[in-house]
Amino acid sequence: MKIIITLLVGMLVFGDAVLSAQISEAENPQNPVVIVVVGAAGTPEYAAQFTEWAALWEKACLKGHAKYVSIGLDKTDGSSDRARLHDILTNESKNTSAALWLVLIGHGTFDGRTAKFNLRGPDISADVLAEWLKTFSRPVAVINSASSSAPFLSRLSSRERVIITATKSGFEQNYARFGKYLADSIADPKADLDKDGQTSLLEAFLTASNRVDEFYSAAGRLITEHALLDDNGDGLGTRADWFRGIRPVQKAMDGASLDGYRAHQFYLVYSEDEMKMAPTLRTQRDNLELEVMKLRDSRETFSEDEYFSKLEALLSNIAQIYEQTDKVDNAQ
């Protein structure tokens, strides 16, 4: 009898532990939140494609234990999609260190003044979305994979944000394929360009952009979409062909700083080593790595001794963070 009771207690404890783990993965405030908005498709063919792209994002979220929220995939008339997005953003935490990803899949329009993302009901403009995101100080990534999406970049650009658009201009109005390739790449080990065991948003952007170019080249067609990435808050954006590997290698004529460093710190699926690091330490590490990148970009402004002195101090602080992580991991 004691053996049976012991087994039953063990099963209950194990069941509670599993349930607790499932809940913690879904509701852990440190896990990213990914909101995928599928807009008005227009035709059954587009609807099937957009649904497929959304499913790839859902799969990536499941793999990375991110919270996945979808809008526009239900069977309703969609007249409330815009209001639902507003409600979801209103209820999201504004100050957590966990990243918020907003992915727009569908078609867009631009009349020369206002850019909009087409929803099943009332559309949403870049200006309105900027207003809804104004109070967010947490890390935010907005990916607009629609045609005519470029004006969203300049309007949404801000500190602690990564903005990606499928086009470089509001007048690139043809159907954009970039969203397919980005959804394919976001959790694809083949897109891990620096081979660190995880695929960043920057790496997915670069991979997707290259695959878009390959599609048009293979089809013998003129490229009608050129994706942009902005993560330094200047609202200008940088194209994939300005990078070699994951490093920006060209500089704008007006001296504007390039993008990519912050986007390389956004991940949906972390490597095993990265998952061992506490979120607070990861934030510290990321900030220090950004300082290293800024220092390298401005190396010519320092003497050699001064440059290496500053670099050594930064790298030493980063090494201490990894040492703290190893101590915690070894103690468990």
Protein backbone atom coordinates (compact mmCIF):
# COMPACT_ATOMS: atom_id res chain seq x y z
CA MET A 1 0.00 0.00 0.00
CA LYS A 2 2.84 2.39 0.86
CA ILE A 3 4.41 1.67 -2.50
CA ILE A 4 1.17 2.50 -4.32
CA ILE A 5 0.75 5.73 -2.36
CA THR A 6 4.34 6.68 -3.06
CA LEU A 7 3.86 6.06 -6.79
CA LEU A 8 0.64 8.09 -6.84
CA VAL A 9 2.30 10.98 -5.05
CA GLY A 10 5.22 10.80 -7.44
CA MET A 11 2.89 10.88 -10.44
CA LEU A 12 1.04 13.88 -9.04
CA VAL A 13 4.27 15.73 -8.33
CA PHE A 14 5.60 14.92 -11.79
CA GLY A 15 2.32 15.97 -13.40
CA ASP A 16 2.36 19.27 -11.51
CA ALA A 17 5.95 19.83 -12.55
CA VAL A 18 5.13 19.24 -16.22
CA LEU A 19 2.06 21.49 -16.04
CA SER A 20 4.10 24.15 -14.27
CA ALA A 21 6.80 23.93 -16.94
CA GLN A 22 4.20 24.27 -19.70
CA ILE A 23 2.60 27.27 -18.04
CA SER A 24 5.95 28.90 -17.35
CA GLU A 25 6.99 28.50 -20.98
CA ALA A 26 3.76 30.03 -22.25
CA GLU A 27 3.46 32.76 -19.65
CA ASN A 28 7.06 33.47 -18.65
CA PRO A 29 7.27 37.29 -18.78
CA GLN A 30 10.83 37.01 -20.12
CA ASN A 31 9.74 35.10 -23.23
CA PRO A 32 9.13 37.07 -26.44
CA VAL A 33 5.59 37.84 -27.55
CA VAL A 34 4.93 37.49 -31.28
CA ILE A 35 1.79 39.04 -32.76
CA VAL A 36 1.18 37.92 -36.34
CA VAL A 37 -1.41 39.95 -38.23
CA VAL A 38 -2.67 38.48 -41.49
CA GLY A 39 -4.38 41.11 -43.58
CA ALA A 40 -6.96 41.01 -46.33
CA ALA A 41 -5.75 38.50 -48.90
CA GLY A 42 -7.93 39.50 -51.83
CA THR A 43 -7.80 36.07 -53.50
CA PRO A 44 -7.83 32.46 -52.26
CA GLU A 45 -4.31 32.01 -53.66
CA TYR A 46 -2.92 34.84 -51.56
CA ALA A 47 -4.91 33.67 -48.54
CA ALA A 48 -3.28 30.23 -48.76
CA GLN A 49 0.19 31.77 -48.99
CA PHE A 50 -0.34 34.16 -46.09
CA THR A 51 -1.73 31.36 -43.93
CA GLU A 52 1.36 29.29 -44.71
CA TRP A 53 3.69 32.13 -43.73
CA ALA A 54 1.83 32.64 -40.45
CA ALA A 55 2.14 28.91 -39.72
CA LEU A 56 5.92 29.18 -40.10
CA TRP A 57 5.98 31.96 -37.49
CA GLU A 58 3.82 29.86 -35.18
CA LYS A 59 6.19 26.92 -35.59
CA ALA A 60 9.18 29.14 -34.78
CA CYS A 61 7.42 30.48 -31.68
CA LEU A 62 6.68 26.97 -30.48
CA LYS A 63 10.32 26.01 -30.96
CA GLY A 64 11.52 29.11 -29.11
CA HIS A 65 8.86 29.05 -26.36
CA ALA A 66 7.57 32.45 -27.45
CA LYS A 67 3.96 33.47 -26.96
CA TYR A 68 2.19 33.41 -30.32
CA VAL A 69 -0.88 35.56 -31.01
CA SER A 70 -2.58 35.66 -34.40
CA ILE A 71 -5.07 38.09 -35.91
CA GLY A 72 -6.88 37.61 -39.21
CA LEU A 73 -6.87 33.82 -39.43
CA ASP A 74 -10.29 33.17 -37.90
CA LYS A 75 -13.47 32.66 -39.91
CA THR A 76 -15.19 35.90 -38.87
CA ASP A 77 -15.74 38.77 -41.28
CA GLY A 78 -12.65 40.48 -39.88
CA SER A 79 -14.33 43.82 -39.29
CA SER A 80 -12.85 43.96 -35.79
CA ASP A 81 -9.25 43.01 -36.66
CA ARG A 82 -7.99 46.58 -36.27
CA ALA A 83 -9.72 46.97 -32.90
CA ARG A 84 -8.39 43.61 -31.74
CA LEU A 85 -4.83 44.61 -32.58
CA HIS A 86 -5.29 47.82 -30.63
CA ASP A 87 -6.66 45.92 -27.62
CA ILE A 88 -3.78 43.44 -27.66
CA LEU A 89 -1.17 46.19 -27.82
CA THR A 90 -2.94 48.16 -25.11
CA ASN A 91 -2.81 45.17 -22.77
CA GLU A 92 0.81 44.30 -23.48
CA SER A 93 3.46 45.29 -20.93
CA LYS A 94 5.25 48.46 -21.96
CA ASN A 95 8.43 48.16 -19.86
CA THR A 96 9.47 44.49 -19.69
CA SER A 97 12.82 43.35 -21.06
CA ALA A 98 11.06 40.66 -23.14
CA ALA A 99 10.84 41.59 -26.80
CA LEU A 100 7.56 42.24 -28.59
CA TRP A 101 7.45 41.18 -32.24
CA LEU A 102 4.73 42.50 -34.53
CA VAL A 103 4.59 40.76 -37.91
CA LEU A 104 2.33 42.10 -40.67
CA ILE A 105 1.58 39.65 -43.50
CA GLY A 106 -0.47 40.80 -46.47
CA HIS A 107 -0.86 43.70 -48.89
CA GLY A 108 -0.18 47.40 -48.46
CA THR A 109 -1.04 50.66 -50.18
CA PHE A 110 0.54 54.10 -50.52
CA ASP A 111 -1.14 57.13 -52.07
CA GLY A 112 1.92 59.38 -52.00
CA ARG A 113 1.15 60.61 -48.48
CA THR A 114 -0.21 57.80 -46.32
CA ALA A 115 0.95 54.18 -46.16
CA LYS A 116 -1.52 51.57 -44.95
CA PHE A 117 -1.56 47.87 -44.21
CA ASN A 118 -4.72 46.27 -45.58
CA LEU A 119 -6.85 44.51 -42.98
CA ARG A 120 -10.10 42.62 -43.50
CA GLY A 121 -11.95 45.56 -41.96
CA PRO A 122 -10.64 49.11 -41.57
CA ASP A 123 -6.98 49.38 -42.61
CA ILE A 124 -4.22 50.59 -40.30
CA SER A 125 -1.87 53.38 -41.30
CA ALA A 126 1.75 53.89 -40.32
CA ASP A 127 0.74 57.00 -38.36
CA VAL A 128 -1.86 55.16 -36.30
CA LEU A 129 0.46 52.24 -35.54
CA ALA A 130 3.18 54.69 -34.48
CA GLU A 131 0.72 56.25 -32.03
CA TRP A 132 -0.21 52.86 -30.60
CA LEU A 133 3.46 51.97 -30.05
CA LYS A 134 4.46 55.34 -28.61
CA THR A 135 4.33 54.23 -24.97
CA PHE A 136 6.43 51.08 -25.47
CA SER A 137 9.93 51.25 -24.00
CA ARG A 138 10.52 47.47 -24.19
CA PRO A 139 12.42 45.98 -27.13
CA VAL A 140 10.12 45.97 -30.16
CA ALA A 141 10.49 44.49 -33.64
CA VAL A 142 7.98 45.45 -36.33
CA ILE A 143 8.12 43.51 -39.59
CA ASN A 144 5.91 44.76 -42.38
CA SER A 145 6.21 42.26 -45.21
CA ALA A 146 3.63 43.94 -47.42
CA SER A 147 4.00 45.92 -50.62
CA SER A 148 4.38 49.72 -50.23
CA SER A 149 5.62 49.14 -46.67
CA ALA A 150 8.69 51.41 -46.65
CA PRO A 151 6.95 54.47 -45.10
CA PHE A 152 6.27 52.39 -42.00
CA LEU A 153 10.03 52.32 -41.35
CA SER A 154 10.54 56.06 -41.09
CA ARG A 155 7.35 56.49 -39.09
CA LEU A 156 7.96 53.70 -36.55
CA SER A 157 11.73 54.05 -36.17
CA SER A 158 12.78 54.62 -32.55
CA ARG A 159 15.31 53.63 -29.95
CA GLU A 160 15.10 49.98 -28.87
CA ARG A 161 13.20 49.08 -32.04
CA VAL A 162 14.00 47.00 -35.06
CA ILE A 163 11.89 47.93 -38.08
CA ILE A 164 11.90 45.82 -41.24
CA THR A 165 9.96 46.54 -44.41
CA ALA A 166 9.69 44.52 -47.60
CA THR A 167 10.21 47.58 -49.81
CA LYS A 168 12.54 50.56 -49.94
CA SER A 169 9.77 52.88 -51.18
CA GLY A 170 6.04 53.28 -50.85
CA PHE A 171 5.94 53.14 -54.64
CA GLU A 172 7.20 49.55 -54.77
CA GLN A 173 3.59 48.42 -55.01
CA ASN A 174 3.82 44.95 -56.56
CA TYR A 175 3.13 41.83 -54.53
CA ALA A 176 6.06 41.29 -52.14
CA ARG A 177 7.57 37.85 -51.59
CA PHE A 178 9.97 38.92 -48.85
CA GLY A 179 7.57 37.78 -46.10
CA LYS A 180 7.71 34.18 -47.28
CA TYR A 181 11.49 34.03 -47.17
CA LEU A 182 11.71 35.79 -43.81
CA ALA A 183 9.23 33.35 -42.26
CA ASP A 184 11.29 30.50 -43.77
CA SER A 185 14.52 31.91 -42.33
CA ILE A 186 13.66 33.06 -38.82
CA ALA A 187 14.29 29.63 -37.24
CA ASP A 188 16.34 28.07 -40.03
CA PRO A 189 19.82 26.89 -38.94
CA LYS A 190 21.00 27.53 -42.52
CA ALA A 191 20.38 31.23 -41.92
CA ASP A 192 22.78 31.22 -38.95
CA LEU A 193 25.47 33.16 -40.80
CA ASP A 194 27.93 33.51 -37.92
CA LYS A 195 27.50 29.87 -36.86
CA ASP A 196 26.78 30.59 -33.20
CA GLY A 197 23.94 28.07 -33.00
CA GLN A 198 21.06 30.55 -33.33
CA THR A 199 19.50 32.69 -36.06
CA SER A 200 19.05 36.38 -35.32
CA LEU A 201 16.53 38.72 -36.90
CA LEU A 202 19.42 40.36 -38.77
CA GLU A 203 20.54 37.02 -40.18
CA ALA A 204 16.98 36.16 -41.19
CA PHE A 205 16.64 39.56 -42.89
CA LEU A 206 19.88 39.09 -44.84
CA THR A 207 19.02 35.53 -45.82
CA ALA A 208 15.48 36.45 -46.89
CA SER A 209 16.72 39.42 -48.92
CA ASN A 210 19.21 37.23 -50.76
CA ARG A 211 16.54 34.61 -51.47
CA VAL A 212 14.26 37.32 -52.89
CA ASP A 213 17.04 38.37 -55.26
CA GLU A 214 17.63 34.75 -56.25
CA PHE A 215 13.93 34.29 -57.03
CA TYR A 216 13.78 37.25 -59.40
CA SER A 217 17.10 36.32 -61.00
CA ALA A 218 16.02 32.73 -61.63
CA ALA A 219 12.73 33.96 -63.10
CA GLY A 220 14.52 36.47 -65.30
CA ARG A 221 12.43 39.28 -63.86
CA LEU A 222 13.17 42.80 -62.71
CA ILE A 223 13.41 43.01 -58.91
CA THR A 224 10.40 45.00 -57.67
CA GLU A 225 11.06 44.83 -53.92
CA HIS A 226 14.08 45.82 -51.85
CA ALA A 227 13.80 45.18 -48.11
CA LEU A 228 15.09 47.64 -45.51
CA LEU A 229 16.18 47.26 -41.88
CA ASP A 230 16.42 50.05 -39.30
CA ASP A 231 17.57 49.48 -35.72
CA ASN A 232 19.48 52.64 -34.80
CA GLY A 233 16.48 54.94 -34.67
CA ASP A 234 17.44 57.26 -37.52
CA GLY A 235 14.53 56.18 -39.72
CA LEU A 236 16.68 55.70 -42.83
CA GLY A 237 17.13 51.96 -43.09
CA THR A 238 19.85 49.81 -44.63
CA ARG A 239 19.61 47.27 -47.44
CA ALA A 240 21.06 43.77 -47.30
CA ASP A 241 23.62 44.49 -50.02
CA TRP A 242 25.35 46.90 -47.63
CA PHE A 243 26.47 43.95 -45.49
CA ARG A 244 29.29 41.45 -45.78
CA GLY A 245 28.32 38.53 -43.62
CA ILE A 246 26.61 40.16 -40.66
CA ARG A 247 28.71 43.32 -40.63
CA PRO A 248 27.73 46.53 -42.44
CA VAL A 249 30.59 47.45 -44.75
CA GLN A 250 29.31 50.55 -46.53
CA LYS A 251 28.74 53.99 -45.11
CA ALA A 252 26.12 56.52 -46.14
CA MET A 253 27.40 59.63 -47.92
CA ASP A 254 25.91 61.85 -45.23
CA GLY A 255 27.75 59.93 -42.51
CA ALA A 256 24.61 58.38 -41.01
CA SER A 257 25.31 55.34 -38.85
CA LEU A 258 24.42 51.94 -40.25
CA ASP A 259 22.01 49.38 -38.90
CA GLY A 260 22.17 45.73 -37.94
CA TYR A 261 23.87 45.55 -34.56
CA ARG A 262 20.68 45.60 -32.47
CA ALA A 263 18.81 43.32 -34.88
CA HIS A 264 21.56 40.75 -34.36
CA GLN A 265 20.50 40.60 -30.71
CA PHE A 266 16.87 39.68 -31.46
CA TYR A 267 16.22 35.93 -31.47
CA LEU A 268 13.14 33.74 -31.39
CA VAL A 269 15.03 30.49 -30.91
CA TYR A 270 18.03 30.75 -28.59
CA SER A 271 20.96 28.33 -28.59
CA GLU A 272 21.43 26.07 -25.57
CA ASP A 273 24.31 28.22 -24.31
CA GLU A 274 22.32 31.43 -24.70
CA MET A 275 19.35 29.98 -22.78
CA LYS A 276 21.59 29.47 -19.77
CA MET A 277 22.10 33.22 -19.41
CA ALA A 278 19.73 35.11 -17.13
CA PRO A 279 17.71 37.81 -18.93
CA THR A 280 19.22 40.57 -16.80
CA LEU A 281 22.74 39.42 -17.66
CA ARG A 282 21.80 39.09 -21.33
CA THR A 283 20.61 42.69 -21.36
CA GLN A 284 23.89 43.83 -19.79
CA ARG A 285 25.89 41.73 -22.26
CA ASP A 286 23.93 43.10 -25.23
CA ASN A 287 24.52 46.69 -24.13
CA LEU A 288 28.24 46.05 -23.76
CA GLU A 289 28.42 44.40 -27.19
CA LEU A 290 26.75 47.44 -28.74
CA GLU A 291 29.39 49.60 -27.10
CA VAL A 292 32.08 47.39 -28.63
CA MET A 293 30.54 47.83 -32.09
CA LYS A 294 30.31 51.59 -31.70
CA LEU A 295 33.91 51.71 -30.54
CA ARG A 296 35.09 49.69 -33.55
CA ASP A 297 33.15 51.95 -35.92
CA SER A 298 34.82 55.04 -34.44
CA ARG A 299 38.30 53.56 -34.10
CA GLU A 300 39.91 56.27 -36.24
CA THR A 301 38.96 58.90 -33.64
CA PHE A 302 41.16 57.33 -30.95
CA SER A 303 44.86 56.76 -30.57
CA GLU A 304 45.89 53.10 -30.71
CA ASP A 305 46.54 52.92 -26.96
CA GLU A 306 43.27 54.61 -26.09
CA TYR A 307 41.29 52.38 -28.45
CA PHE A 308 42.70 49.11 -27.09
CA SER A 309 42.33 50.31 -23.51
CA LYS A 310 38.61 50.98 -24.04
CA LEU A 311 38.17 47.71 -25.94
CA GLU A 312 39.89 45.69 -23.24
CA ALA A 313 37.65 47.17 -20.54
CA LEU A 314 34.49 46.32 -22.48
CA LEU A 315 35.62 42.79 -23.33
CA SER A 316 36.61 42.21 -19.71
CA ASN A 317 33.12 43.16 -18.54
CA ILE A 318 31.57 40.84 -21.12
CA ALA A 319 33.83 38.00 -19.98
CA GLN A 320 32.68 38.53 -16.39
CA ILE A 321 29.06 38.09 -17.47
CA TYR A 322 29.88 34.75 -19.09
CA GLU A 323 31.76 33.71 -15.95
CA GLN A 324 28.68 34.49 -13.84
CA THR A 325 26.54 32.43 -16.21
CA ASP A 326 28.95 29.48 -16.01
CA LYS A 327 28.97 29.61 -12.19
CA VAL A 328 25.18 29.49 -12.05
CA ASP A 329 25.04 26.67 -14.59
CA ASN A 330 27.67 24.61 -12.75
CA ALA A 331 25.86 25.10 -9.45
CA GLN A 332 22.63 23.62 -10.81
